[in-house]
C-alpha atoms as a PDB file:
ATOM      1  CA  UNK A   1       0.000   0.000   0.000  1.00  0.00           C
ATOM      2  CA  UNK A   2       2.829   2.405   0.906  1.00  0.00           C
ATOM      3  CA  UNK A   3       4.527   1.573  -2.389  1.00  0.00           C
ATOM      4  CA  UNK A   4       1.308   2.281  -4.284  1.00  0.00           C
ATOM      5  CA  UNK A   5       0.828   5.651  -2.502  1.00  0.00           C
ATOM      6  CA  UNK A   6       4.486   6.565  -3.200  1.00  0.00           C
ATOM      7  CA  UNK A   7       4.101   5.737  -6.908  1.00  0.00           C
ATOM      8  CA  UNK A   8       0.872   7.791  -7.044  1.00  0.00           C
ATOM      9  CA  UNK A   9       2.554  10.720  -5.294  1.00  0.00           C
ATOM     10  CA  UNK A  10       5.579  10.556  -7.636  1.00  0.00           C
ATOM     11  CA  UNK A  11       3.247  10.395 -10.636  1.00  0.00           C
ATOM     12  CA  UNK A  12       1.332  13.418  -9.379  1.00  0.00           C
ATOM     13  CA  UNK A  13       4.570  15.322  -8.711  1.00  0.00           C
ATOM     14  CA  UNK A  14       5.746  14.431 -12.231  1.00  0.00           C
ATOM     15  CA  UNK A  15       2.472  15.625 -13.721  1.00  0.00           C
ATOM     16  CA  UNK A  16       2.651  18.879 -11.731  1.00  0.00           C
ATOM     17  CA  UNK A  17       6.284  19.306 -12.774  1.00  0.00           C
ATOM     18  CA  UNK A  18       5.402  18.740 -16.425  1.00  0.00           C
ATOM     19  CA  UNK A  19       2.454  21.126 -16.172  1.00  0.00           C
ATOM     20  CA  UNK A  20       4.534  23.682 -14.286  1.00  0.00           C
ATOM     21  CA  UNK A  21       7.411  23.179 -16.719  1.00  0.00           C
ATOM     22  CA  UNK A  22       5.144  23.819 -19.656  1.00  0.00           C
ATOM     23  CA  UNK A  23       3.860  26.961 -18.010  1.00  0.00           C
ATOM     24  CA  UNK A  24       7.384  28.028 -17.091  1.00  0.00           C
ATOM     25  CA  UNK A  25       8.586  27.511 -20.661  1.00  0.00           C
ATOM     26  CA  UNK A  26       5.789  29.782 -21.879  1.00  0.00           C
ATOM     27  CA  UNK A  27       6.685  32.352 -19.228  1.00  0.00           C
ATOM     28  CA  UNK A  28      10.376  32.165 -20.074  1.00  0.00           C
ATOM     29  CA  UNK A  29       9.644  32.720 -23.751  1.00  0.00           C
ATOM     30  CA  UNK A  30       7.784  35.880 -22.855  1.00  0.00           C
ATOM     31  CA  UNK A  31      10.630  36.936 -20.559  1.00  0.00           C
ATOM     32  CA  UNK A  32      13.297  36.376 -23.238  1.00  0.00           C
ATOM     33  CA  UNK A  33      11.584  39.024 -25.335  1.00  0.00           C
ATOM     34  CA  UNK A  34      12.901  41.639 -22.951  1.00  0.00           C
ATOM     35  CA  UNK A  35      13.646  45.064 -24.284  1.00  0.00           C
ATOM     36  CA  UNK A  36      17.185  45.793 -25.357  1.00  0.00           C
ATOM     37  CA  UNK A  37      19.165  48.131 -23.101  1.00  0.00           C
ATOM     38  CA  UNK A  38      18.527  51.810 -23.664  1.00  0.00           C
ATOM     39  CA  UNK A  39      20.041  55.112 -22.623  1.00  0.00           C
ATOM     40  CA  UNK A  40      18.898  58.713 -22.643  1.00  0.00           C
ATOM     41  CA  UNK A  41      21.090  61.426 -24.127  1.00  0.00           C
ATOM     42  CA  UNK A  42      20.024  65.067 -24.357  1.00  0.00           C
ATOM     43  CA  UNK A  43      16.431  64.073 -23.543  1.00  0.00           C
ATOM     44  CA  UNK A  44      16.228  61.511 -26.391  1.00  0.00           C
ATOM     45  CA  UNK A  45      15.959  57.728 -25.863  1.00  0.00           C
ATOM     46  CA  UNK A  46      18.414  55.456 -27.692  1.00  0.00           C
ATOM     47  CA  UNK A  47      18.213  51.648 -27.883  1.00  0.00           C
ATOM     48  CA  UNK A  48      21.164  49.278 -28.204  1.00  0.00           C
ATOM     49  CA  UNK A  49      21.290  48.051 -31.811  1.00  0.00           C
ATOM     50  CA  UNK A  50      24.857  46.745 -32.197  1.00  0.00           C
ATOM     51  CA  UNK A  51      27.252  45.128 -29.738  1.00  0.00           C
ATOM     52  CA  UNK A  52      30.542  43.353 -30.460  1.00  0.00           C
ATOM     53  CA  UNK A  53      34.077  43.139 -29.171  1.00  0.00           C
ATOM     54  CA  UNK A  54      36.850  41.108 -27.619  1.00  0.00           C
ATOM     55  CA  UNK A  55      39.023  41.109 -24.510  1.00  0.00           C
ATOM     56  CA  UNK A  56      40.742  44.340 -25.634  1.00  0.00           C
ATOM     57  CA  UNK A  57      37.772  46.514 -26.650  1.00  0.00           C
ATOM     58  CA  UNK A  58      33.976  46.293 -26.671  1.00  0.00           C
ATOM     59  CA  UNK A  59      31.592  48.515 -28.668  1.00  0.00           C
ATOM     60  CA  UNK A  60      27.889  49.236 -28.068  1.00  0.00           C
ATOM     61  CA  UNK A  61      25.991  51.404 -30.579  1.00  0.00           C
ATOM     62  CA  UNK A  62      22.589  52.928 -29.836  1.00  0.00           C
ATOM     63  CA  UNK A  63      20.017  54.463 -32.202  1.00  0.00           C
ATOM     64  CA  UNK A  64      16.742  56.335 -31.632  1.00  0.00           C
ATOM     65  CA  UNK A  65      13.477  54.551 -32.447  1.00  0.00           C
ATOM     66  CA  UNK A  66      12.892  54.184 -36.185  1.00  0.00           C
ATOM     67  CA  UNK A  67      16.503  54.904 -37.185  1.00  0.00           C
ATOM     68  CA  UNK A  68      18.761  52.448 -38.985  1.00  0.00           C
ATOM     69  CA  UNK A  69      22.518  52.492 -39.502  1.00  0.00           C
ATOM     70  CA  UNK A  70      21.844  53.495 -43.120  1.00  0.00           C
ATOM     71  CA  UNK A  71      19.791  56.587 -42.315  1.00  0.00           C
ATOM     72  CA  UNK A  72      20.396  57.772 -38.751  1.00  0.00           C
ATOM     73  CA  UNK A  73      20.842  61.432 -37.901  1.00  0.00           C
ATOM     74  CA  UNK A  74      21.656  60.786 -34.214  1.00  0.00           C
ATOM     75  CA  UNK A  75      23.718  57.884 -32.842  1.00  0.00           C
ATOM     76  CA  UNK A  76      25.344  57.149 -29.498  1.00  0.00           C
ATOM     77  CA  UNK A  77      28.227  54.735 -28.912  1.00  0.00           C
ATOM     78  CA  UNK A  78      29.950  53.407 -25.800  1.00  0.00           C
ATOM     79  CA  UNK A  79      33.336  51.645 -25.944  1.00  0.00           C
ATOM     80  CA  UNK A  80      35.308  49.966 -23.189  1.00  0.00           C
ATOM     81  CA  UNK A  81      39.072  49.789 -23.632  1.00  0.00           C
ATOM     82  CA  UNK A  82      39.737  46.751 -21.438  1.00  0.00           C
ATOM     83  CA  UNK A  83      43.223  46.209 -22.861  1.00  0.00           C
ATOM     84  CA  UNK A  84      44.442  49.703 -21.893  1.00  0.00           C
ATOM     85  CA  UNK A  85      44.512  49.566 -18.127  1.00  0.00           C
ATOM     86  CA  UNK A  86      47.327  52.080 -17.526  1.00  0.00           C
ATOM     87  CA  UNK A  87      46.324  54.778 -20.047  1.00  0.00           C
ATOM     88  CA  UNK A  88      44.642  58.017 -19.041  1.00  0.00           C
ATOM     89  CA  UNK A  89      41.577  59.588 -20.699  1.00  0.00           C
ATOM     90  CA  UNK A  90      43.790  62.375 -22.104  1.00  0.00           C
ATOM     91  CA  UNK A  91      46.161  59.815 -23.667  1.00  0.00           C
ATOM     92  CA  UNK A  92      43.234  58.011 -25.327  1.00  0.00           C
ATOM     93  CA  UNK A  93      41.796  61.289 -26.701  1.00  0.00           C
ATOM     94  CA  UNK A  94      45.205  62.358 -28.054  1.00  0.00           C
ATOM     95  CA  UNK A  95      45.687  58.951 -29.693  1.00  0.00           C
ATOM     96  CA  UNK A  96      42.201  59.104 -31.239  1.00  0.00           C
ATOM     97  CA  UNK A  97      42.892  62.619 -32.568  1.00  0.00           C
ATOM     98  CA  UNK A  98      46.167  61.468 -34.177  1.00  0.00           C
ATOM     99  CA  UNK A  99      44.413  58.509 -35.850  1.00  0.00           C
ATOM    100  CA  UNK A 100      41.523  60.627 -37.176  1.00  0.00           C
ATOM    101  CA  UNK A 101      43.986  63.267 -38.487  1.00  0.00           C
ATOM    102  CA  UNK A 102      45.965  60.561 -40.263  1.00  0.00           C
ATOM    103  CA  UNK A 103      42.827  59.138 -41.873  1.00  0.00           C
ATOM    104  CA  UNK A 104      41.222  62.520 -42.641  1.00  0.00           C
ATOM    105  CA  UNK A 105      43.844  65.235 -43.229  1.00  0.00           C
ATOM    106  CA  UNK A 106      42.501  68.745 -42.834  1.00  0.00           C
ATOM    107  CA  UNK A 107      39.991  67.976 -40.069  1.00  0.00           C
ATOM    108  CA  UNK A 108      40.194  70.466 -37.225  1.00  0.00           C
ATOM    109  CA  UNK A 109      39.686  69.163 -33.706  1.00  0.00           C
ATOM    110  CA  UNK A 110      38.729  70.727 -30.441  1.00  0.00           C
ATOM    111  CA  UNK A 111      40.111  68.908 -27.430  1.00  0.00           C
ATOM    112  CA  UNK A 112      38.672  69.779 -24.024  1.00  0.00           C
ATOM    113  CA  UNK A 113      38.840  68.764 -20.380  1.00  0.00           C
ATOM    114  CA  UNK A 114      35.955  67.165 -18.555  1.00  0.00           C
ATOM    115  CA  UNK A 115      35.291  66.589 -14.871  1.00  0.00           C
ATOM    116  CA  UNK A 116      37.486  64.399 -12.643  1.00  0.00           C
ATOM    117  CA  UNK A 117      40.203  63.793 -15.237  1.00  0.00           C
ATOM    118  CA  UNK A 118      37.825  63.130 -18.148  1.00  0.00           C
ATOM    119  CA  UNK A 119      38.953  64.278 -21.590  1.00  0.00           C
ATOM    120  CA  UNK A 120      36.893  65.182 -24.627  1.00  0.00           C
ATOM    121  CA  UNK A 121      37.200  65.858 -28.313  1.00  0.00           C
ATOM    122  CA  UNK A 122      34.968  67.154 -31.075  1.00  0.00           C
ATOM    123  CA  UNK A 123      35.251  67.448 -34.850  1.00  0.00           C
ATOM    124  CA  UNK A 124      33.218  67.713 -38.036  1.00  0.00           C
ATOM    125  CA  UNK A 125      33.994  65.711 -41.146  1.00  0.00           C
ATOM    126  CA  UNK A 126      32.434  65.436 -44.577  1.00  0.00           C
ATOM    127  CA  UNK A 127      32.460  62.137 -46.451  1.00  0.00           C
ATOM    128  CA  UNK A 128      30.523  61.947 -49.685  1.00  0.00           C
ATOM    129  CA  UNK A 129      27.004  63.189 -49.040  1.00  0.00           C
ATOM    130  CA  UNK A 130      27.332  62.918 -45.239  1.00  0.00           C
ATOM    131  CA  UNK A 131      28.293  65.764 -42.913  1.00  0.00           C
ATOM    132  CA  UNK A 132      29.059  64.302 -39.496  1.00  0.00           C
ATOM    133  CA  UNK A 133      29.650  65.991 -36.151  1.00  0.00           C
ATOM    134  CA  UNK A 134      31.393  63.813 -33.537  1.00  0.00           C
ATOM    135  CA  UNK A 135      31.761  64.402 -29.811  1.00  0.00           C
ATOM    136  CA  UNK A 136      33.784  62.085 -27.566  1.00  0.00           C
ATOM    137  CA  UNK A 137      34.249  61.851 -23.826  1.00  0.00           C
ATOM    138  CA  UNK A 138      36.763  59.403 -22.342  1.00  0.00           C
ATOM    139  CA  UNK A 139      36.455  58.598 -18.661  1.00  0.00           C
ATOM    140  CA  UNK A 140      37.372  55.937 -16.123  1.00  0.00           C
ATOM    141  CA  UNK A 141      34.510  53.919 -14.668  1.00  0.00           C
ATOM    142  CA  UNK A 142      34.983  50.988 -12.290  1.00  0.00           C
ATOM    143  CA  UNK A 143      38.700  50.997 -13.137  1.00  0.00           C
ATOM    144  CA  UNK A 144      38.070  50.733 -16.915  1.00  0.00           C
ATOM    145  CA  UNK A 145      38.555  53.300 -19.634  1.00  0.00           C
ATOM    146  CA  UNK A 146      35.231  54.093 -21.303  1.00  0.00           C
ATOM    147  CA  UNK A 147      34.580  56.261 -24.352  1.00  0.00           C
ATOM    148  CA  UNK A 148      31.197  57.896 -24.929  1.00  0.00           C
ATOM    149  CA  UNK A 149      30.515  59.163 -28.453  1.00  0.00           C
ATOM    150  CA  UNK A 150      27.637  61.230 -29.795  1.00  0.00           C
ATOM    151  CA  UNK A 151      27.219  61.520 -33.581  1.00  0.00           C
ATOM    152  CA  UNK A 152      24.978  63.957 -35.441  1.00  0.00           C
ATOM    153  CA  UNK A 153      24.642  63.493 -39.230  1.00  0.00           C
ATOM    154  CA  UNK A 154      23.121  65.395 -42.112  1.00  0.00           C
ATOM    155  CA  UNK A 155      22.675  63.974 -45.622  1.00  0.00           C
ATOM    156  CA  UNK A 156      22.380  65.544 -49.058  1.00  0.00           C
ATOM    157  CA  UNK A 157      21.344  63.944 -52.342  1.00  0.00           C
ATOM    158  CA  UNK A 158      24.773  64.507 -53.860  1.00  0.00           C
ATOM    159  CA  UNK A 159      28.321  64.729 -52.574  1.00  0.00           C
ATOM    160  CA  UNK A 160      28.594  68.324 -53.804  1.00  0.00           C
ATOM    161  CA  UNK A 161      27.194  70.427 -50.987  1.00  0.00           C
ATOM    162  CA  UNK A 162      26.315  73.998 -51.746  1.00  0.00           C
ATOM    163  CA  UNK A 163      27.641  76.793 -49.554  1.00  0.00           C
ATOM    164  CA  UNK A 164      24.096  77.307 -48.305  1.00  0.00           C
ATOM    165  CA  UNK A 165      23.756  73.649 -47.229  1.00  0.00           C
ATOM    166  CA  UNK A 166      27.092  73.784 -45.405  1.00  0.00           C
ATOM    167  CA  UNK A 167      26.164  77.051 -43.720  1.00  0.00           C
ATOM    168  CA  UNK A 168      22.785  75.651 -42.638  1.00  0.00           C
ATOM    169  CA  UNK A 169      24.332  72.447 -41.243  1.00  0.00           C
ATOM    170  CA  UNK A 170      27.068  74.457 -39.541  1.00  0.00           C
ATOM    171  CA  UNK A 171      24.516  76.785 -37.931  1.00  0.00           C
ATOM    172  CA  UNK A 172      22.498  73.837 -36.587  1.00  0.00           C
ATOM    173  CA  UNK A 173      25.610  72.234 -35.103  1.00  0.00           C
ATOM    174  CA  UNK A 174      26.856  75.544 -33.661  1.00  0.00           C
ATOM    175  CA  UNK A 175      23.478  76.134 -31.984  1.00  0.00           C
ATOM    176  CA  UNK A 176      23.272  72.658 -30.440  1.00  0.00           C
ATOM    177  CA  UNK A 177      26.942  71.925 -29.736  1.00  0.00           C
ATOM    178  CA  UNK A 178      27.143  73.540 -26.255  1.00  0.00           C
ATOM    179  CA  UNK A 179      24.092  71.549 -25.088  1.00  0.00           C
ATOM    180  CA  UNK A 180      25.363  68.285 -26.631  1.00  0.00           C
ATOM    181  CA  UNK A 181      28.782  68.796 -25.057  1.00  0.00           C
ATOM    182  CA  UNK A 182      27.295  69.554 -21.618  1.00  0.00           C
ATOM    183  CA  UNK A 183      24.990  66.513 -21.863  1.00  0.00           C
ATOM    184  CA  UNK A 184      27.926  64.285 -22.807  1.00  0.00           C
ATOM    185  CA  UNK A 185      30.143  65.537 -19.972  1.00  0.00           C
ATOM    186  CA  UNK A 186      27.445  65.286 -17.309  1.00  0.00           C
ATOM    187  CA  UNK A 187      25.647  62.046 -18.182  1.00  0.00           C
ATOM    188  CA  UNK A 188      26.203  58.878 -16.104  1.00  0.00           C
ATOM    189  CA  UNK A 189      28.425  56.278 -17.752  1.00  0.00           C
ATOM    190  CA  UNK A 190      26.250  53.487 -19.245  1.00  0.00           C
ATOM    191  CA  UNK A 191      27.093  49.867 -18.509  1.00  0.00           C
ATOM    192  CA  UNK A 192      28.771  47.985 -21.332  1.00  0.00           C
ATOM    193  CA  UNK A 193      26.619  45.168 -22.711  1.00  0.00           C
ATOM    194  CA  UNK A 194      28.944  42.220 -23.466  1.00  0.00           C
ATOM    195  CA  UNK A 195      26.322  40.292 -25.473  1.00  0.00           C
ATOM    196  CA  UNK A 196      26.892  40.185 -29.237  1.00  0.00           C
ATOM    197  CA  UNK A 197      24.062  41.945 -31.123  1.00  0.00           C
ATOM    198  CA  UNK A 198      24.476  42.407 -34.880  1.00  0.00           C
END
């Protein structure tokens, strides 16, 4: 009799486990559809759309809702430089400026200091039909070097921009640059997502 009761109890436990497991699987599927990480910069929400890296460097790129990497006007990126433990933010900014100058002769840079040893850099470059304003802040967070980058882009139908188009784009950037710079320097450092998203 005890053996029969034990078998019945085990069967009931198994049935409950199967039923609970089925329910749990359904719940887990719903939970795996969690929203991707997001950040807020200058009052605008950005969602993580690309993440890749290795033990030396990791990159996360965020876009506003509806934007793609083919058509964005605003983009935010966060990089961790895990392989550069002894470097300072100023050294990273100076190295980045040298590399960009090498790749794009004639670009003028503004390098600036941030809070608590942070360093920053800004520049505008034109490639084809894209005018791009870049702002960088390099900081140390939890003992790691982190770079925050804000990109603003404008597009034209052809690579030959008129003086009026350049003046209009320049005026927009000039108007917004102080606010973008202040937002970049004052924002909390986002966590790096080490999951590959492509």
